[in-house]
C-alpha atoms as a PDB file:
ATOM      1  CA  MET A   1     -26.433   1.625 -14.111  1.00  0.00           C
ATOM      2  CA  PRO A   2     -24.915   1.123 -10.643  1.00  0.00           C
ATOM      3  CA  ASP A   3     -24.744   4.121  -8.359  1.00  0.00           C
ATOM      4  CA  GLU A   4     -21.530   6.088  -8.490  1.00  0.00           C
ATOM      5  CA  PRO A   5     -19.292   5.415  -5.475  1.00  0.00           C
ATOM      6  CA  PRO A   6     -18.839   8.302  -3.054  1.00  0.00           C
ATOM      7  CA  PRO A   7     -15.683  10.416  -3.277  1.00  0.00           C
ATOM      8  CA  VAL A   8     -12.647   8.965  -1.504  1.00  0.00           C
ATOM      9  CA  ILE A   9     -12.198   9.964   2.098  1.00  0.00           C
ATOM     10  CA  TRP A  10      -9.225  12.180   1.224  1.00  0.00           C
ATOM     11  CA  ALA A  11     -11.367  14.324  -1.076  1.00  0.00           C
ATOM     12  CA  ARG A  12     -13.990  14.706   1.652  1.00  0.00           C
ATOM     13  CA  LEU A  13     -11.430  15.835   4.236  1.00  0.00           C
ATOM     14  CA  SER A  14     -10.295  18.925   2.381  1.00  0.00           C
ATOM     15  CA  GLY A  15     -12.301  21.228   4.639  1.00  0.00           C
ATOM     16  CA  GLN A  16     -11.447  19.563   7.940  1.00  0.00           C
ATOM     17  CA  GLY A  17      -8.655  20.391  10.334  1.00  0.00           C
ATOM     18  CA  ARG A  18      -8.917  24.168   9.957  1.00  0.00           C
ATOM     19  CA  GLY A  19      -9.580  26.695  12.659  1.00  0.00           C
ATOM     20  CA  PRO A  20      -9.083  26.141  16.399  1.00  0.00           C
ATOM     21  CA  ALA A  21      -8.195  22.701  17.686  1.00  0.00           C
ATOM     22  CA  ARG A  22     -11.156  20.420  18.288  1.00  0.00           C
ATOM     23  CA  THR A  23     -11.509  17.469  20.631  1.00  0.00           C
ATOM     24  CA  LEU A  24     -13.224  15.422  17.901  1.00  0.00           C
ATOM     25  CA  ASP A  25     -12.034  15.333  14.322  1.00  0.00           C
ATOM     26  CA  HIS A  26     -10.824  12.676  11.898  1.00  0.00           C
ATOM     27  CA  ALA A  27      -7.243  12.879  13.212  1.00  0.00           C
ATOM     28  CA  ALA A  28      -8.287  12.303  16.827  1.00  0.00           C
ATOM     29  CA  ILE A  29     -10.622   9.471  15.803  1.00  0.00           C
ATOM     30  CA  THR A  30      -7.849   7.883  13.735  1.00  0.00           C
ATOM     31  CA  ALA A  31      -5.361   8.068  16.605  1.00  0.00           C
ATOM     32  CA  ALA A  32      -7.820   6.359  18.951  1.00  0.00           C
ATOM     33  CA  ALA A  33      -8.523   3.659  16.347  1.00  0.00           C
ATOM     34  CA  VAL A  34      -4.814   2.981  15.795  1.00  0.00           C
ATOM     35  CA  ALA A  35      -4.288   2.658  19.548  1.00  0.00           C
ATOM     36  CA  LEU A  36      -7.142   0.142  19.742  1.00  0.00           C
ATOM     37  CA  ALA A  37      -5.784  -1.867  16.821  1.00  0.00           C
ATOM     38  CA  ASP A  38      -2.319  -1.946  18.368  1.00  0.00           C
ATOM     39  CA  GLU A  39      -3.753  -3.207  21.652  1.00  0.00           C
ATOM     40  CA  ASP A  40      -6.389  -5.698  20.517  1.00  0.00           C
ATOM     41  CA  GLY A  41      -6.069  -6.143  16.747  1.00  0.00           C
ATOM     42  CA  VAL A  42      -7.901  -4.403  13.922  1.00  0.00           C
ATOM     43  CA  ASP A  43     -10.992  -6.633  14.266  1.00  0.00           C
ATOM     44  CA  ALA A  44     -11.543  -5.095  17.692  1.00  0.00           C
ATOM     45  CA  VAL A  45     -11.843  -1.614  16.212  1.00  0.00           C
ATOM     46  CA  SER A  46     -15.425  -0.349  16.026  1.00  0.00           C
ATOM     47  CA  MET A  47     -17.071   3.043  16.132  1.00  0.00           C
ATOM     48  CA  ARG A  48     -18.698   2.005  19.407  1.00  0.00           C
ATOM     49  CA  ARG A  49     -15.380   1.192  21.088  1.00  0.00           C
ATOM     50  CA  ILE A  50     -13.678   4.288  19.700  1.00  0.00           C
ATOM     51  CA  ALA A  51     -16.586   6.454  20.861  1.00  0.00           C
ATOM     52  CA  ALA A  52     -16.401   4.957  24.341  1.00  0.00           C
ATOM     53  CA  ARG A  53     -12.675   5.623  24.505  1.00  0.00           C
ATOM     54  CA  MET A  54     -13.179   9.236  23.399  1.00  0.00           C
ATOM     55  CA  ASP A  55     -16.308   9.809  25.528  1.00  0.00           C
ATOM     56  CA  HIS A  56     -18.482  10.634  22.521  1.00  0.00           C
ATOM     57  CA  SER A  57     -21.450   8.980  20.864  1.00  0.00           C
ATOM     58  CA  PRO A  58     -20.868   6.716  17.834  1.00  0.00           C
ATOM     59  CA  MET A  59     -23.073   9.029  15.739  1.00  0.00           C
ATOM     60  CA  ALA A  60     -20.756  11.919  16.515  1.00  0.00           C
ATOM     61  CA  LEU A  61     -17.887   9.901  15.034  1.00  0.00           C
ATOM     62  CA  TYR A  62     -19.839   9.057  11.889  1.00  0.00           C
ATOM     63  CA  ARG A  63     -20.178  12.759  11.167  1.00  0.00           C
ATOM     64  CA  HIS A  64     -16.394  12.848  10.708  1.00  0.00           C
ATOM     65  CA  VAL A  65     -15.667   9.341   9.392  1.00  0.00           C
ATOM     66  CA  GLY A  66     -18.321   7.924   7.099  1.00  0.00           C
ATOM     67  CA  SER A  67     -17.611   4.186   7.293  1.00  0.00           C
ATOM     68  CA  LYS A  68     -15.315   1.451   8.606  1.00  0.00           C
ATOM     69  CA  ASP A  69     -13.574   1.387   5.218  1.00  0.00           C
ATOM     70  CA  ASP A  70     -12.871   5.110   5.499  1.00  0.00           C
ATOM     71  CA  LEU A  71     -11.572   4.568   9.018  1.00  0.00           C
ATOM     72  CA  THR A  72      -9.142   1.807   8.042  1.00  0.00           C
ATOM     73  CA  GLU A  73      -7.936   3.971   5.157  1.00  0.00           C
ATOM     74  CA  LEU A  74      -7.200   6.748   7.622  1.00  0.00           C
ATOM     75  CA  MET A  75      -5.545   4.329  10.053  1.00  0.00           C
ATOM     76  CA  TYR A  76      -3.263   2.796   7.447  1.00  0.00           C
ATOM     77  CA  ASP A  77      -2.138   6.161   6.148  1.00  0.00           C
ATOM     78  CA  ALA A  78      -1.566   7.445   9.666  1.00  0.00           C
ATOM     79  CA  VAL A  79       0.945   4.718  10.496  1.00  0.00           C
ATOM     80  CA  LEU A  80       2.687   5.216   7.135  1.00  0.00           C
ATOM     81  CA  GLY A  81       3.564   8.616   8.529  1.00  0.00           C
ATOM     82  CA  GLU A  82       5.929   6.855  10.962  1.00  0.00           C
ATOM     83  CA  LEU A  83       8.233   5.782   8.123  1.00  0.00           C
ATOM     84  CA  ASP A  84      11.550   7.599   8.317  1.00  0.00           C
ATOM     85  CA  LEU A  85      12.216   8.854   4.784  1.00  0.00           C
ATOM     86  CA  THR A  86      14.654  11.603   5.713  1.00  0.00           C
ATOM     87  CA  GLY A  87      17.623  11.997   3.391  1.00  0.00           C
ATOM     88  CA  MET A  88      16.017  10.084   0.534  1.00  0.00           C
ATOM     89  CA  PRO A  89      16.743   9.907  -2.284  1.00  0.00           C
ATOM     90  CA  SER A  90      20.412   9.687  -1.374  1.00  0.00           C
ATOM     91  CA  GLY A  91      21.694   9.053  -4.894  1.00  0.00           C
ATOM     92  CA  ASP A  92      22.316   5.360  -4.167  1.00  0.00           C
ATOM     93  CA  TRP A  93      19.187   3.562  -5.381  1.00  0.00           C
ATOM     94  CA  ARG A  94      20.190   0.229  -3.898  1.00  0.00           C
ATOM     95  CA  ALA A  95      20.877   1.647  -0.437  1.00  0.00           C
ATOM     96  CA  ASP A  96      17.610   3.571  -0.582  1.00  0.00           C
ATOM     97  CA  LEU A  97      15.507   0.537  -1.543  1.00  0.00           C
ATOM     98  CA  ALA A  98      17.160  -1.470   1.229  1.00  0.00           C
ATOM     99  CA  ARG A  99      16.415   1.275   3.740  1.00  0.00           C
ATOM    100  CA  LEU A 100      12.797   1.498   2.576  1.00  0.00           C
ATOM    101  CA  ALA A 101      12.467  -2.270   2.969  1.00  0.00           C
ATOM    102  CA  ARG A 102      13.831  -2.156   6.511  1.00  0.00           C
ATOM    103  CA  GLU A 103      11.512   0.708   7.395  1.00  0.00           C
ATOM    104  CA  VAL A 104       8.449  -1.130   6.082  1.00  0.00           C
ATOM    105  CA  ARG A 105       9.420  -4.286   7.976  1.00  0.00           C
ATOM    106  CA  ARG A 106       9.909  -2.276  11.164  1.00  0.00           C
ATOM    107  CA  LEU A 107       6.527  -0.617  10.703  1.00  0.00           C
ATOM    108  CA  HIS A 108       4.760  -3.968  10.297  1.00  0.00           C
ATOM    109  CA  HIS A 109       6.279  -5.262  13.520  1.00  0.00           C
ATOM    110  CA  ALA A 110       5.189  -2.078  15.304  1.00  0.00           C
ATOM    111  CA  HIS A 111       1.636  -2.365  13.909  1.00  0.00           C
ATOM    112  CA  PRO A 112       1.076  -6.007  12.865  1.00  0.00           C
ATOM    113  CA  TRP A 113      -2.509  -5.339  11.765  1.00  0.00           C
ATOM    114  CA  ILE A 114      -1.363  -3.329   8.733  1.00  0.00           C
ATOM    115  CA  VAL A 115      -0.394  -6.549   6.946  1.00  0.00           C
ATOM    116  CA  ARG A 116      -4.067  -6.718   5.893  1.00  0.00           C
ATOM    117  CA  PHE A 117      -3.970  -3.316   4.207  1.00  0.00           C
ATOM    118  CA  GLY A 118      -2.073  -1.498   1.480  1.00  0.00           C
ATOM    119  CA  HIS A 119      -2.823  -4.022  -1.269  1.00  0.00           C
ATOM    120  CA  ARG A 120      -4.867  -1.494  -3.241  1.00  0.00           C
ATOM    121  CA  PRO A 121      -3.197   1.861  -3.998  1.00  0.00           C
ATOM    122  CA  THR A 122      -4.277   4.536  -1.568  1.00  0.00           C
ATOM    123  CA  LEU A 123      -4.122   8.304  -1.939  1.00  0.00           C
ATOM    124  CA  GLY A 124      -3.528   9.498   1.603  1.00  0.00           C
ATOM    125  CA  PRO A 125      -0.807  12.100   2.222  1.00  0.00           C
ATOM    126  CA  ASN A 126       1.656   9.632   3.730  1.00  0.00           C
ATOM    127  CA  ALA A 127       1.046   7.060   0.999  1.00  0.00           C
ATOM    128  CA  ARG A 128       1.669   9.771  -1.604  1.00  0.00           C
ATOM    129  CA  ARG A 129       4.845  10.756   0.222  1.00  0.00           C
ATOM    130  CA  PHE A 130       6.062   7.154   0.207  1.00  0.00           C
ATOM    131  CA  LEU A 131       5.316   6.698  -3.503  1.00  0.00           C
ATOM    132  CA  GLU A 132       6.992   9.944  -4.528  1.00  0.00           C
ATOM    133  CA  THR A 133      10.047   9.245  -2.387  1.00  0.00           C
ATOM    134  CA  GLY A 134      10.342   5.641  -3.519  1.00  0.00           C
ATOM    135  CA  LEU A 135      10.163   6.491  -7.211  1.00  0.00           C
ATOM    136  CA  ALA A 136      12.585   9.385  -6.753  1.00  0.00           C
ATOM    137  CA  CYS A 137      15.062   6.865  -5.315  1.00  0.00           C
ATOM    138  CA  VAL A 138      15.108   4.898  -8.593  1.00  0.00           C
ATOM    139  CA  ASP A 139      15.007   7.876 -10.930  1.00  0.00           C
ATOM    140  CA  GLY A 140      18.038   8.724 -13.048  1.00  0.00           C
ATOM    141  CA  LEU A 141      18.739   5.106 -14.053  1.00  0.00           C
ATOM    142  CA  GLY A 142      17.514   5.532 -17.617  1.00  0.00           C
ATOM    143  CA  LEU A 143      14.306   3.606 -16.894  1.00  0.00           C
ATOM    144  CA  ASP A 144      10.751   4.388 -17.894  1.00  0.00           C
ATOM    145  CA  ILE A 145       8.133   4.821 -15.189  1.00  0.00           C
ATOM    146  CA  ASP A 146       6.938   1.195 -15.431  1.00  0.00           C
ATOM    147  CA  ALA A 147      10.470  -0.115 -14.882  1.00  0.00           C
ATOM    148  CA  MET A 148      10.972   2.327 -12.005  1.00  0.00           C
ATOM    149  CA  LEU A 149       7.788   1.029 -10.413  1.00  0.00           C
ATOM    150  CA  ASP A 150       9.003  -2.548 -10.955  1.00  0.00           C
ATOM    151  CA  LEU A 151      12.133  -1.825  -8.900  1.00  0.00           C
ATOM    152  CA  LEU A 152      10.244  -0.227  -6.038  1.00  0.00           C
ATOM    153  CA  ALA A 153       7.382  -2.732  -6.017  1.00  0.00           C
ATOM    154  CA  THR A 154       9.618  -5.821  -6.241  1.00  0.00           C
ATOM    155  CA  ALA A 155      11.611  -4.805  -3.165  1.00  0.00           C
ATOM    156  CA  GLN A 156       8.434  -3.877  -1.291  1.00  0.00           C
ATOM    157  CA  GLN A 157       6.543  -7.038  -2.236  1.00  0.00           C
ATOM    158  CA  PHE A 158       9.460  -9.155  -1.050  1.00  0.00           C
ATOM    159  CA  THR A 159       9.404  -7.257   2.241  1.00  0.00           C
ATOM    160  CA  ARG A 160       5.673  -7.629   2.756  1.00  0.00           C
ATOM    161  CA  GLY A 161       5.897 -11.337   1.973  1.00  0.00           C
ATOM    162  CA  PHE A 162       8.780 -11.834   4.397  1.00  0.00           C
ATOM    163  CA  VAL A 163       7.169  -9.903   7.225  1.00  0.00           C
ATOM    164  CA  GLY A 164       3.835 -11.615   6.540  1.00  0.00           C
ATOM    165  CA  GLN A 165       5.539 -14.932   7.219  1.00  0.00           C
ATOM    166  CA  GLU A 166       7.101 -13.564  10.413  1.00  0.00           C
ATOM    167  CA  LEU A 167       3.798 -12.215  11.684  1.00  0.00           C
ATOM    168  CA  GLY A 168       2.015 -15.402  10.642  1.00  0.00           C
ATOM    169  CA  GLU A 169       4.354 -17.440  12.834  1.00  0.00           C
ATOM    170  CA  LEU A 170       3.703 -15.141  15.793  1.00  0.00           C
ATOM    171  CA  ASP A 171      -0.032 -15.417  15.199  1.00  0.00           C
ATOM    172  CA  ALA A 172       0.214 -19.227  15.038  1.00  0.00           C
ATOM    173  CA  GLN A 173       2.033 -19.247  18.353  1.00  0.00           C
ATOM    174  CA  ARG A 174      -0.733 -17.157  19.939  1.00  0.00           C
ATOM    175  CA  ARG A 175      -3.509 -19.307  18.474  1.00  0.00           C
ATOM    176  CA  THR A 176      -2.009 -22.691  19.306  1.00  0.00           C
ATOM    177  CA  GLY A 177      -0.134 -21.866  22.481  1.00  0.00           C
ATOM    178  CA  LEU A 178       2.938 -23.581  20.986  1.00  0.00           C
ATOM    179  CA  ASP A 179       6.162 -21.666  20.526  1.00  0.00           C
ATOM    180  CA  LEU A 180       8.593 -22.807  17.850  1.00  0.00           C
ATOM    181  CA  ALA A 181      10.383 -25.251  20.147  1.00  0.00           C
ATOM    182  CA  ALA A 182       7.079 -26.837  21.242  1.00  0.00           C
ATOM    183  CA  TYR A 183       5.918 -27.071  17.625  1.00  0.00           C
ATOM    184  CA  GLN A 184       9.147 -28.840  16.687  1.00  0.00           C
ATOM    185  CA  ARG A 185       8.612 -31.325  19.505  1.00  0.00           C
ATOM    186  CA  GLN A 186       5.070 -31.918  18.315  1.00  0.00           C
ATOM    187  CA  THR A 187       6.028 -32.509  14.673  1.00  0.00           C
ATOM    188  CA  GLY A 188       9.338 -34.285  15.364  1.00  0.00           C
ATOM    189  CA  PRO A 189       7.996 -37.869  15.574  1.00  0.00           C
ATOM    190  CA  TYR A 190       6.081 -37.566  12.308  1.00  0.00           C
ATOM    191  CA  ILE A 191       9.068 -35.985  10.535  1.00  0.00           C
ATOM    192  CA  ALA A 192      11.227 -38.883  11.753  1.00  0.00           C
ATOM    193  CA  GLN A 193       8.666 -41.290  10.294  1.00  0.00           C
ATOM    194  CA  LEU A 194       8.749 -39.490   6.953  1.00  0.00           C
ATOM    195  CA  LEU A 195      12.537 -39.529   6.827  1.00  0.00           C
ATOM    196  CA  GLU A 196      12.631 -43.267   7.518  1.00  0.00           C
ATOM    197  CA  GLU A 197      10.715 -43.810   4.279  1.00  0.00           C
ATOM    198  CA  GLY A 198      13.655 -42.282   2.357  1.00  0.00           C
ATOM    199  CA  ARG A 199      11.585 -40.463  -0.259  1.00  0.00           C
ATOM    200  CA  LEU A 200      12.182 -36.866   0.832  1.00  0.00           C
ATOM    201  CA  PRO A 201      15.901 -36.145   0.350  1.00  0.00           C
ATOM    202  CA  TYR A 202      15.570 -32.356   0.536  1.00  0.00           C
ATOM    203  CA  LEU A 203      13.488 -32.449   3.690  1.00  0.00           C
ATOM    204  CA  GLU A 204      16.188 -34.690   5.142  1.00  0.00           C
ATOM    205  CA  ARG A 205      18.864 -32.184   4.189  1.00  0.00           C
ATOM    206  CA  LEU A 206      16.853 -29.380   5.760  1.00  0.00           C
ATOM    207  CA  ILE A 207      16.533 -31.289   9.025  1.00  0.00           C
ATOM    208  CA  ILE A 208      20.186 -32.325   9.127  1.00  0.00           C
ATOM    209  CA  GLU A 209      22.040 -29.422   7.524  1.00  0.00           C
ATOM    210  CA  ALA A 210      19.950 -26.271   7.858  1.00  0.00           C
ATOM    211  CA  GLU A 211      20.347 -23.892  10.769  1.00  0.00           C
ATOM    212  CA  ASP A 212      17.863 -24.799  13.494  1.00  0.00           C
ATOM    213  CA  VAL A 213      16.807 -21.290  14.556  1.00  0.00           C
ATOM    214  CA  PRO A 214      18.186 -18.769  12.061  1.00  0.00           C
ATOM    215  CA  ASP A 215      18.305 -15.134  13.074  1.00  0.00           C
ATOM    216  CA  PRO A 216      15.386 -13.456  11.242  1.00  0.00           C
ATOM    217  CA  ASP A 217      17.296 -10.203  10.766  1.00  0.00           C
ATOM    218  CA  GLU A 218      20.185 -12.031   9.111  1.00  0.00           C
ATOM    219  CA  VAL A 219      17.828 -14.013   6.899  1.00  0.00           C
ATOM    220  CA  PHE A 220      15.996 -10.836   5.889  1.00  0.00           C
ATOM    221  CA  GLU A 221      19.209  -9.038   4.979  1.00  0.00           C
ATOM    222  CA  ARG A 222      20.538 -12.030   3.034  1.00  0.00           C
ATOM    223  CA  ARG A 223      17.379 -12.442   1.006  1.00  0.00           C
ATOM    224  CA  LEU A 224      16.956  -8.711   0.481  1.00  0.00           C
ATOM    225  CA  ALA A 225      20.485  -8.627  -0.953  1.00  0.00           C
ATOM    226  CA  MET A 226      19.512 -11.419  -3.349  1.00  0.00           C
ATOM    227  CA  VAL A 227      16.497  -9.410  -4.513  1.00  0.00           C
ATOM    228  CA  LEU A 228      18.586  -6.273  -5.001  1.00  0.00           C
ATOM    229  CA  ASP A 229      21.256  -8.267  -6.857  1.00  0.00           C
ATOM    230  CA  GLY A 230      18.574  -9.446  -9.246  1.00  0.00           C
ATOM    231  CA  LEU A 231      17.260  -5.921  -9.759  1.00  0.00           C
ATOM    232  CA  ALA A 232      20.778  -4.633 -10.392  1.00  0.00           C
ATOM    233  CA  ALA A 233      21.370  -7.349 -12.969  1.00  0.00           C
ATOM    234  CA  GLY A 234      18.143  -6.400 -14.709  1.00  0.00           C
ATOM    235  CA  ILE A 235      19.183  -2.750 -14.884  1.00  0.00           C
ATOM    236  CA  ALA A 236      22.571  -3.690 -16.343  1.00  0.00           C
ATOM    237  CA  ARG A 237      21.061  -6.018 -18.961  1.00  0.00           C
ATOM    238  CA  PRO A 238      20.918  -4.371 -22.415  1.00  0.00           C
ATOM    239  CA  GLY A 239      17.357  -3.484 -23.440  1.00  0.00           C
END
């Protein structure tokens, strides 16, 4: 039989953080790691670089944080603590889900590296807070827990998909050195060639009719409203 996995990091932290303040603990290590990820990306985060920043040895850090996976778990939960959940649930499930979506989008723009995390449920204190608050926002609608989770997850998955596209465009600009206008100049001649062939009517409509540089905030709000309209229709549907 395979070896049993070790307890999750949250179970192993139950005895930490008590007594007088220390210069080295999991919270201080996490804060230094988040700062590094914000500056240079999550791939730049290593125990060696964190230790150098904190003027400690890497082995000293490993006594508090067992692995890179544990560290990224701590980092992701730490930034979830920046979500403003005050006043929720408000009693208006739609307004609450919209506010949660905006908060999650804002958080991803503040810490773009988190787009790689949060796909597997995590049990950190801030993740638990988000789950409990989110489900409380859709309680009282006569839904079972699976349907409540569907409401929360659908709005959140739309948001993560939207912001993933936004951050992907920014990453492409950094990698290629081409901003959107330069990319359009680069692809323009080939698009013109495709349109001359007359076999792509919807691409032609997009080029001619669609807004050239739509405001991302307006697009987000418009599409979020469409998602919430669909959820509301599902709630109202008998059965």
